[in-house]
Amino acid sequence: MRAGEAMEQGLRECCRSVRIGKILIQRDEETAQPKLYYAKLPPDIEDRYVLLLDPMLALSIDSPVVTKATGGSAIKAIEVLLANGVPEDKILFLNLIAAPEGINAVTSKFSKLKIVTAFVDEGLNGKKYIVPGLGDFGDRYFTSP
């Protein structure tokens, strides 16, 4: 939900009969860990291929702190899908921008998952934000100028 919804309309235009599920994961401000707030998935999801949409993927695998970037949330979302019976090799993670650290974090934990991204940026800065990146995608998409 939220930032991933920015990609939903394009998916619907491309794949008209697609079934949509929603997962809302946000960073807990006290623990800095991803927290599942909501999940509503199609009842037969374990029999389908799943396109997991999130515009940005970033997270240093050696970082103990999950940042505002989406790597920790993506890992949590994948865990939710696996817990609902989706085979790892039937999950395709689609994003617009990825950092090499985020790709490494996700693929080292889920080796059968496929990632499709439009662009791999340089990496992460000291605050674990994608460089050059584009800021907080959800804030940019949902906040009027």
N, C-alpha and C. Protein backbone atom coordinates (compact mmCIF):
# COMPACT_ATOMS: atom_id res chain seq x y z
N MET A 1 0.84 -1.18 0.00
CA MET A 1 0.00 0.00 0.00
C MET A 1 0.89 1.24 0.00
N ARG A 2 0.31 2.37 -0.16
CA ARG A 2 0.95 3.66 -0.19
C ARG A 2 1.87 3.77 -1.40
N ALA A 3 3.19 3.73 -1.23
CA ALA A 3 4.10 3.95 -2.36
C ALA A 3 3.88 2.93 -3.48
N GLY A 4 3.63 1.68 -3.11
CA GLY A 4 3.38 0.65 -4.12
C GLY A 4 2.15 0.91 -4.95
N GLU A 5 1.17 1.63 -4.37
CA GLU A 5 -0.05 1.95 -5.12
C GLU A 5 0.24 2.86 -6.30
N ALA A 6 1.34 3.59 -6.28
CA ALA A 6 1.71 4.44 -7.40
C ALA A 6 1.94 3.62 -8.65
N MET A 7 2.27 2.36 -8.50
CA MET A 7 2.54 1.48 -9.64
C MET A 7 1.30 0.67 -10.03
N GLU A 8 0.27 0.72 -9.22
CA GLU A 8 -0.91 -0.14 -9.42
C GLU A 8 -1.68 0.18 -10.70
N GLN A 9 -1.87 1.45 -11.01
CA GLN A 9 -2.64 1.81 -12.20
C GLN A 9 -1.98 1.28 -13.46
N GLY A 10 -0.66 1.40 -13.55
CA GLY A 10 0.06 0.87 -14.70
C GLY A 10 -0.10 -0.64 -14.81
N LEU A 11 -0.08 -1.32 -13.68
CA LEU A 11 -0.28 -2.77 -13.68
C LEU A 11 -1.68 -3.11 -14.17
N ARG A 12 -2.69 -2.39 -13.68
CA ARG A 12 -4.07 -2.65 -14.10
C ARG A 12 -4.26 -2.41 -15.60
N GLU A 13 -3.59 -1.39 -16.14
CA GLU A 13 -3.70 -1.10 -17.57
C GLU A 13 -3.03 -2.19 -18.40
N CYS A 14 -1.98 -2.74 -17.88
CA CYS A 14 -1.23 -3.79 -18.60
C CYS A 14 -1.89 -5.16 -18.45
N CYS A 15 -2.36 -5.46 -17.26
CA CYS A 15 -2.93 -6.77 -16.94
C CYS A 15 -4.33 -6.55 -16.38
N ARG A 16 -5.31 -6.45 -17.25
CA ARG A 16 -6.65 -6.03 -16.85
C ARG A 16 -7.36 -6.96 -15.86
N SER A 17 -7.08 -8.23 -15.91
CA SER A 17 -7.80 -9.16 -15.03
C SER A 17 -7.02 -9.53 -13.77
N VAL A 18 -5.97 -8.77 -13.48
CA VAL A 18 -5.12 -9.08 -12.33
C VAL A 18 -5.92 -8.92 -11.01
N ARG A 19 -5.66 -9.82 -10.08
CA ARG A 19 -6.26 -9.71 -8.75
C ARG A 19 -5.27 -8.99 -7.85
N ILE A 20 -5.76 -8.03 -7.08
CA ILE A 20 -4.90 -7.18 -6.26
C ILE A 20 -5.07 -7.54 -4.79
N GLY A 21 -3.96 -7.70 -4.11
CA GLY A 21 -3.94 -7.83 -2.66
C GLY A 21 -3.21 -6.61 -2.11
N LYS A 22 -3.35 -6.38 -0.82
CA LYS A 22 -2.72 -5.21 -0.20
C LYS A 22 -1.97 -5.64 1.05
N ILE A 23 -0.78 -5.10 1.21
CA ILE A 23 0.01 -5.29 2.41
C ILE A 23 0.50 -3.91 2.83
N LEU A 24 0.29 -3.56 4.09
CA LEU A 24 0.79 -2.29 4.62
C LEU A 24 1.82 -2.59 5.69
N ILE A 25 3.03 -2.19 5.42
CA ILE A 25 4.14 -2.35 6.36
C ILE A 25 4.77 -0.98 6.52
N GLN A 26 4.97 -0.58 7.76
CA GLN A 26 5.63 0.69 8.03
C GLN A 26 6.69 0.48 9.08
N ARG A 27 7.64 1.37 9.10
CA ARG A 27 8.70 1.30 10.09
C ARG A 27 8.17 1.76 11.44
N ASP A 28 8.39 0.95 12.45
CA ASP A 28 8.04 1.33 13.82
C ASP A 28 9.04 2.39 14.26
N GLU A 29 8.54 3.56 14.64
CA GLU A 29 9.42 4.68 14.98
C GLU A 29 10.27 4.41 16.22
N GLU A 30 9.80 3.57 17.12
CA GLU A 30 10.56 3.28 18.35
C GLU A 30 11.65 2.24 18.11
N THR A 31 11.32 1.18 17.38
CA THR A 31 12.28 0.09 17.18
C THR A 31 13.02 0.18 15.85
N ALA A 32 12.53 1.00 14.93
CA ALA A 32 13.07 1.15 13.57
C ALA A 32 12.94 -0.13 12.76
N GLN A 33 12.12 -1.06 13.20
CA GLN A 33 11.90 -2.32 12.49
C GLN A 33 10.60 -2.25 11.69
N PRO A 34 10.52 -2.98 10.57
CA PRO A 34 9.27 -2.98 9.80
C PRO A 34 8.17 -3.68 10.58
N LYS A 35 6.98 -3.11 10.53
CA LYS A 35 5.84 -3.66 11.27
C LYS A 35 4.68 -3.85 10.31
N LEU A 36 4.08 -5.04 10.35
CA LEU A 36 2.92 -5.34 9.52
C LEU A 36 1.69 -4.74 10.17
N TYR A 37 0.98 -3.87 9.42
CA TYR A 37 -0.25 -3.25 9.92
C TYR A 37 -1.49 -3.86 9.27
N TYR A 38 -1.35 -4.34 8.04
CA TYR A 38 -2.54 -4.79 7.32
C TYR A 38 -2.12 -5.72 6.19
N ALA A 39 -2.88 -6.78 5.99
CA ALA A 39 -2.68 -7.66 4.83
C ALA A 39 -4.01 -8.24 4.41
N LYS A 40 -4.37 -8.03 3.18
CA LYS A 40 -5.57 -8.63 2.59
C LYS A 40 -5.15 -9.17 1.23
N LEU A 41 -5.12 -10.47 1.15
CA LEU A 41 -4.62 -11.14 -0.05
C LEU A 41 -5.71 -12.01 -0.65
N PRO A 42 -5.67 -12.25 -1.97
CA PRO A 42 -6.66 -13.15 -2.58
C PRO A 42 -6.59 -14.53 -1.91
N PRO A 43 -7.73 -15.19 -1.73
CA PRO A 43 -7.74 -16.47 -1.02
C PRO A 43 -6.93 -17.57 -1.71
N ASP A 44 -6.75 -17.47 -3.01
CA ASP A 44 -6.00 -18.50 -3.75
C ASP A 44 -4.59 -18.04 -4.10
N ILE A 45 -4.05 -17.13 -3.31
CA ILE A 45 -2.75 -16.53 -3.64
C ILE A 45 -1.63 -17.56 -3.75
N GLU A 46 -1.72 -18.65 -3.00
CA GLU A 46 -0.65 -19.65 -3.05
C GLU A 46 -0.57 -20.37 -4.40
N ASP A 47 -1.63 -20.23 -5.22
CA ASP A 47 -1.65 -20.86 -6.55
C ASP A 47 -1.26 -19.90 -7.67
N ARG A 48 -0.88 -18.69 -7.32
CA ARG A 48 -0.63 -17.65 -8.32
C ARG A 48 0.82 -17.18 -8.30
N TYR A 49 1.21 -16.54 -9.39
CA TYR A 49 2.43 -15.74 -9.37
C TYR A 49 2.07 -14.42 -8.72
N VAL A 50 2.98 -13.86 -7.95
CA VAL A 50 2.70 -12.63 -7.23
C VAL A 50 3.69 -11.55 -7.67
N LEU A 51 3.16 -10.40 -8.04
CA LEU A 51 3.97 -9.23 -8.37
C LEU A 51 3.94 -8.33 -7.14
N LEU A 52 5.06 -8.20 -6.48
CA LEU A 52 5.19 -7.35 -5.31
C LEU A 52 5.70 -6.00 -5.79
N LEU A 53 4.90 -4.95 -5.63
CA LEU A 53 5.22 -3.62 -6.15
C LEU A 53 5.72 -2.71 -5.05
N ASP A 54 6.89 -2.14 -5.25
CA ASP A 54 7.43 -1.13 -4.34
C ASP A 54 8.41 -0.31 -5.16
N PRO A 55 8.23 1.00 -5.24
CA PRO A 55 9.03 1.79 -6.17
C PRO A 55 10.53 1.80 -5.89
N MET A 56 10.94 1.69 -4.62
CA MET A 56 12.36 1.81 -4.30
C MET A 56 12.82 0.63 -3.44
N LEU A 57 14.03 0.17 -3.72
CA LEU A 57 14.62 -0.91 -2.94
C LEU A 57 16.00 -0.47 -2.48
N ALA A 58 16.15 -0.36 -1.16
CA ALA A 58 17.45 0.01 -0.59
C ALA A 58 17.54 -0.52 0.83
N LEU A 59 18.68 -1.07 1.17
CA LEU A 59 18.98 -1.47 2.54
C LEU A 59 20.33 -2.13 2.54
N SER A 60 21.17 -1.71 3.43
CA SER A 60 22.46 -2.35 3.56
C SER A 60 22.28 -3.64 4.32
N ILE A 61 22.78 -4.73 3.79
CA ILE A 61 22.60 -6.02 4.43
C ILE A 61 23.27 -6.08 5.79
N ASP A 62 24.35 -5.30 5.98
CA ASP A 62 25.03 -5.33 7.27
C ASP A 62 24.51 -4.27 8.23
N SER A 63 23.47 -3.56 7.84
CA SER A 63 22.92 -2.52 8.70
C SER A 63 21.90 -3.13 9.67
N PRO A 64 22.07 -2.93 10.98
CA PRO A 64 21.11 -3.45 11.94
C PRO A 64 19.84 -2.61 11.99
N VAL A 65 19.87 -1.44 11.37
CA VAL A 65 18.73 -0.53 11.44
C VAL A 65 18.04 -0.49 10.09
N VAL A 66 16.74 -0.69 10.10
CA VAL A 66 15.95 -0.57 8.88
C VAL A 66 15.66 0.91 8.69
N THR A 67 15.93 1.41 7.50
CA THR A 67 15.80 2.84 7.23
C THR A 67 14.47 3.15 6.57
N LYS A 68 14.28 4.44 6.25
CA LYS A 68 13.08 4.84 5.52
C LYS A 68 13.05 4.23 4.14
N ALA A 69 14.20 3.86 3.62
CA ALA A 69 14.22 3.15 2.34
C ALA A 69 13.52 1.81 2.54
N THR A 70 13.15 1.16 1.47
CA THR A 70 12.16 0.09 1.57
C THR A 70 12.68 -1.33 1.69
N GLY A 71 13.95 -1.54 1.82
CA GLY A 71 14.47 -2.91 1.88
C GLY A 71 13.88 -3.73 3.01
N GLY A 72 13.81 -3.16 4.21
CA GLY A 72 13.25 -3.89 5.34
C GLY A 72 11.77 -4.19 5.14
N SER A 73 11.06 -3.24 4.59
CA SER A 73 9.63 -3.45 4.31
C SER A 73 9.43 -4.52 3.25
N ALA A 74 10.29 -4.52 2.24
CA ALA A 74 10.20 -5.53 1.18
C ALA A 74 10.43 -6.92 1.75
N ILE A 75 11.45 -7.06 2.58
CA ILE A 75 11.73 -8.36 3.20
C ILE A 75 10.55 -8.81 4.04
N LYS A 76 9.96 -7.89 4.80
CA LYS A 76 8.78 -8.23 5.62
C LYS A 76 7.61 -8.63 4.73
N ALA A 77 7.39 -7.92 3.63
CA ALA A 77 6.29 -8.25 2.71
C ALA A 77 6.50 -9.64 2.10
N ILE A 78 7.73 -9.95 1.74
CA ILE A 78 8.02 -11.28 1.19
C ILE A 78 7.73 -12.34 2.24
N GLU A 79 8.10 -12.09 3.48
CA GLU A 79 7.81 -13.03 4.56
C GLU A 79 6.30 -13.24 4.72
N VAL A 80 5.51 -12.17 4.56
CA VAL A 80 4.05 -12.28 4.64
C VAL A 80 3.54 -13.18 3.51
N LEU A 81 4.05 -12.98 2.31
CA LEU A 81 3.63 -13.81 1.18
C LEU A 81 3.99 -15.27 1.40
N LEU A 82 5.20 -15.53 1.87
CA LEU A 82 5.63 -16.90 2.13
C LEU A 82 4.75 -17.54 3.21
N ALA A 83 4.41 -16.77 4.24
CA ALA A 83 3.56 -17.28 5.32
C ALA A 83 2.15 -17.60 4.83
N ASN A 84 1.76 -17.00 3.70
CA ASN A 84 0.45 -17.27 3.12
C ASN A 84 0.52 -18.30 2.00
N GLY A 85 1.63 -19.05 1.96
CA GLY A 85 1.73 -20.17 1.05
C GLY A 85 2.27 -19.89 -0.34
N VAL A 86 2.71 -18.66 -0.61
CA VAL A 86 3.24 -18.34 -1.94
C VAL A 86 4.67 -18.90 -2.02
N PRO A 87 4.95 -19.75 -3.01
CA PRO A 87 6.32 -20.24 -3.17
C PRO A 87 7.25 -19.09 -3.54
N GLU A 88 8.44 -19.10 -2.98
CA GLU A 88 9.41 -18.02 -3.22
C GLU A 88 9.67 -17.80 -4.70
N ASP A 89 9.73 -18.87 -5.49
CA ASP A 89 10.03 -18.72 -6.91
C ASP A 89 8.85 -18.20 -7.72
N LYS A 90 7.70 -17.95 -7.06
CA LYS A 90 6.54 -17.36 -7.74
C LYS A 90 6.34 -15.90 -7.35
N ILE A 91 7.35 -15.31 -6.69
CA ILE A 91 7.28 -13.90 -6.31
C ILE A 91 8.20 -13.11 -7.22
N LEU A 92 7.67 -12.09 -7.87
CA LEU A 92 8.45 -11.17 -8.68
C LEU A 92 8.36 -9.80 -8.01
N PHE A 93 9.49 -9.28 -7.58
CA PHE A 93 9.54 -8.00 -6.89
C PHE A 93 9.83 -6.93 -7.92
N LEU A 94 8.88 -6.03 -8.16
CA LEU A 94 9.00 -5.00 -9.18
C LEU A 94 9.23 -3.65 -8.52
N ASN A 95 10.29 -2.95 -8.95
CA ASN A 95 10.52 -1.60 -8.45
C ASN A 95 11.11 -0.73 -9.52
N LEU A 96 11.14 0.56 -9.25
CA LEU A 96 11.62 1.52 -10.24
C LEU A 96 13.11 1.81 -10.07
N ILE A 97 13.53 1.97 -8.82
CA ILE A 97 14.93 2.29 -8.52
C ILE A 97 15.40 1.35 -7.42
N ALA A 98 16.59 0.80 -7.60
CA ALA A 98 17.17 -0.08 -6.58
C ALA A 98 18.61 0.33 -6.32
N ALA A 99 19.03 0.11 -5.10
CA ALA A 99 20.43 0.27 -4.75
C ALA A 99 21.05 -1.13 -4.72
N PRO A 100 22.30 -1.25 -5.11
CA PRO A 100 22.94 -2.58 -5.08
C PRO A 100 22.84 -3.24 -3.70
N GLU A 101 22.93 -2.44 -2.63
CA GLU A 101 22.83 -2.99 -1.28
C GLU A 101 21.46 -3.60 -1.02
N GLY A 102 20.42 -2.98 -1.55
CA GLY A 102 19.07 -3.52 -1.39
C GLY A 102 18.88 -4.82 -2.15
N ILE A 103 19.40 -4.86 -3.36
CA ILE A 103 19.33 -6.09 -4.16
C ILE A 103 20.05 -7.22 -3.43
N ASN A 104 21.24 -6.93 -2.92
CA ASN A 104 22.00 -7.95 -2.19
C ASN A 104 21.27 -8.41 -0.94
N ALA A 105 20.65 -7.47 -0.21
CA ALA A 105 19.94 -7.83 1.02
C ALA A 105 18.79 -8.78 0.74
N VAL A 106 18.01 -8.47 -0.28
CA VAL A 106 16.83 -9.28 -0.59
C VAL A 106 17.24 -10.63 -1.20
N THR A 107 18.15 -10.61 -2.16
CA THR A 107 18.50 -11.87 -2.83
C THR A 107 19.32 -12.80 -1.95
N SER A 108 20.05 -12.25 -0.98
CA SER A 108 20.79 -13.14 -0.09
C SER A 108 19.86 -13.87 0.86
N LYS A 109 18.72 -13.27 1.16
CA LYS A 109 17.73 -13.91 2.03
C LYS A 109 16.75 -14.78 1.24
N PHE A 110 16.45 -14.36 0.02
CA PHE A 110 15.47 -15.07 -0.82
C PHE A 110 16.10 -15.33 -2.19
N SER A 111 16.84 -16.40 -2.32
CA SER A 111 17.62 -16.65 -3.53
C SER A 111 16.77 -17.04 -4.74
N LYS A 112 15.54 -17.50 -4.53
CA LYS A 112 14.69 -17.92 -5.66
C LYS A 112 13.80 -16.80 -6.17
N LEU A 113 13.71 -15.70 -5.43
CA LEU A 113 12.88 -14.56 -5.80
C LEU A 113 13.52 -13.84 -6.99
N LYS A 114 12.69 -13.27 -7.85
CA LYS A 114 13.18 -12.49 -8.98
C LYS A 114 12.90 -11.02 -8.73
N ILE A 115 13.88 -10.17 -9.03
CA ILE A 115 13.71 -8.72 -8.90
C ILE A 115 13.76 -8.12 -10.30
N VAL A 116 12.79 -7.27 -10.60
CA VAL A 116 12.76 -6.54 -11.86
C VAL A 116 12.77 -5.06 -11.50
N THR A 117 13.80 -4.35 -11.94
CA THR A 117 13.91 -2.93 -11.63
C THR A 117 14.22 -2.15 -12.90
N ALA A 118 13.80 -0.89 -12.92
CA ALA A 118 14.07 -0.05 -14.08
C ALA A 118 15.49 0.50 -14.06
N PHE A 119 16.04 0.70 -12.86
CA PHE A 119 17.35 1.32 -12.77
C PHE A 119 18.03 0.95 -11.45
N VAL A 120 19.31 0.65 -11.52
CA VAL A 120 20.10 0.42 -10.32
C VAL A 120 20.94 1.67 -10.10
N ASP A 121 20.65 2.38 -9.01
CA ASP A 121 21.37 3.61 -8.67
C ASP A 121 22.76 3.29 -8.12
N GLU A 122 23.54 4.32 -7.80
CA GLU A 122 24.92 4.17 -7.35
C GLU A 122 25.05 3.36 -6.06
N GLY A 123 24.20 3.64 -5.10
CA GLY A 123 24.31 2.98 -3.80
C GLY A 123 23.61 3.79 -2.74
N LEU A 124 24.03 3.61 -1.50
CA LEU A 124 23.42 4.30 -0.36
C LEU A 124 24.42 5.28 0.24
N ASN A 125 23.88 6.38 0.77
CA ASN A 125 24.75 7.32 1.47
C ASN A 125 24.86 6.93 2.95
N GLY A 126 25.48 7.75 3.75
CA GLY A 126 25.68 7.45 5.17
C GLY A 126 24.39 7.28 5.95
N LYS A 127 23.31 7.88 5.46
CA LYS A 127 22.01 7.75 6.14
C LYS A 127 21.16 6.63 5.55
N LYS A 128 21.75 5.84 4.66
CA LYS A 128 21.11 4.70 4.00
C LYS A 128 20.00 5.10 3.04
N TYR A 129 20.14 6.27 2.42
CA TYR A 129 19.23 6.70 1.37
C TYR A 129 19.88 6.44 0.02
N ILE A 130 19.06 6.11 -0.98
CA ILE A 130 19.58 5.84 -2.33
C ILE A 130 20.22 7.11 -2.90
N VAL A 131 21.42 6.98 -3.50
CA VAL A 131 22.13 8.08 -4.12
C VAL A 131 22.22 7.82 -5.62
N PRO A 132 21.89 8.74 -6.52
CA PRO A 132 21.33 10.03 -6.16
C PRO A 132 19.88 9.94 -5.71
N GLY A 133 19.14 8.91 -6.11
CA GLY A 133 17.79 8.70 -5.60
C GLY A 133 16.83 9.80 -5.97
N LEU A 134 15.70 9.81 -5.29
CA LEU A 134 14.69 10.83 -5.56
C LEU A 134 13.91 11.20 -4.31
N GLY A 135 14.43 10.88 -3.15
CA GLY A 135 13.76 11.22 -1.89
C GLY A 135 12.74 10.16 -1.52
N ASP A 136 11.83 10.50 -0.63
CA ASP A 136 10.80 9.57 -0.18
C ASP A 136 9.72 9.47 -1.25
N PHE A 137 9.67 8.34 -1.94
CA PHE A 137 8.77 8.18 -3.09
C PHE A 137 7.31 8.39 -2.69
N GLY A 138 6.88 7.77 -1.59
CA GLY A 138 5.50 7.90 -1.15
C GLY A 138 5.13 9.35 -0.86
N ASP A 139 6.02 10.07 -0.18
CA ASP A 139 5.77 11.47 0.10
C ASP A 139 5.67 12.27 -1.18
N ARG A 140 6.56 12.01 -2.12
CA ARG A 140 6.54 12.75 -3.39
C ARG A 140 5.26 12.44 -4.18
N TYR A 141 4.84 11.20 -4.20
CA TYR A 141 3.70 10.80 -5.01
C TYR A 141 2.38 11.28 -4.41
N PHE A 142 2.24 11.19 -3.08
CA PHE A 142 0.95 11.47 -2.46
C PHE A 142 0.82 12.88 -1.91
N THR A 143 1.89 13.66 -1.89
CA THR A 143 1.82 15.04 -1.37
C THR A 143 1.72 15.99 -2.54
N SER A 144 0.73 16.88 -2.49
CA SER A 144 0.60 17.84 -3.57
C SER A 144 1.67 18.92 -3.44
N PRO A 145 2.10 19.45 -4.59
CA PRO A 145 3.21 20.46 -4.60
C PRO A 145 2.83 21.74 -3.91
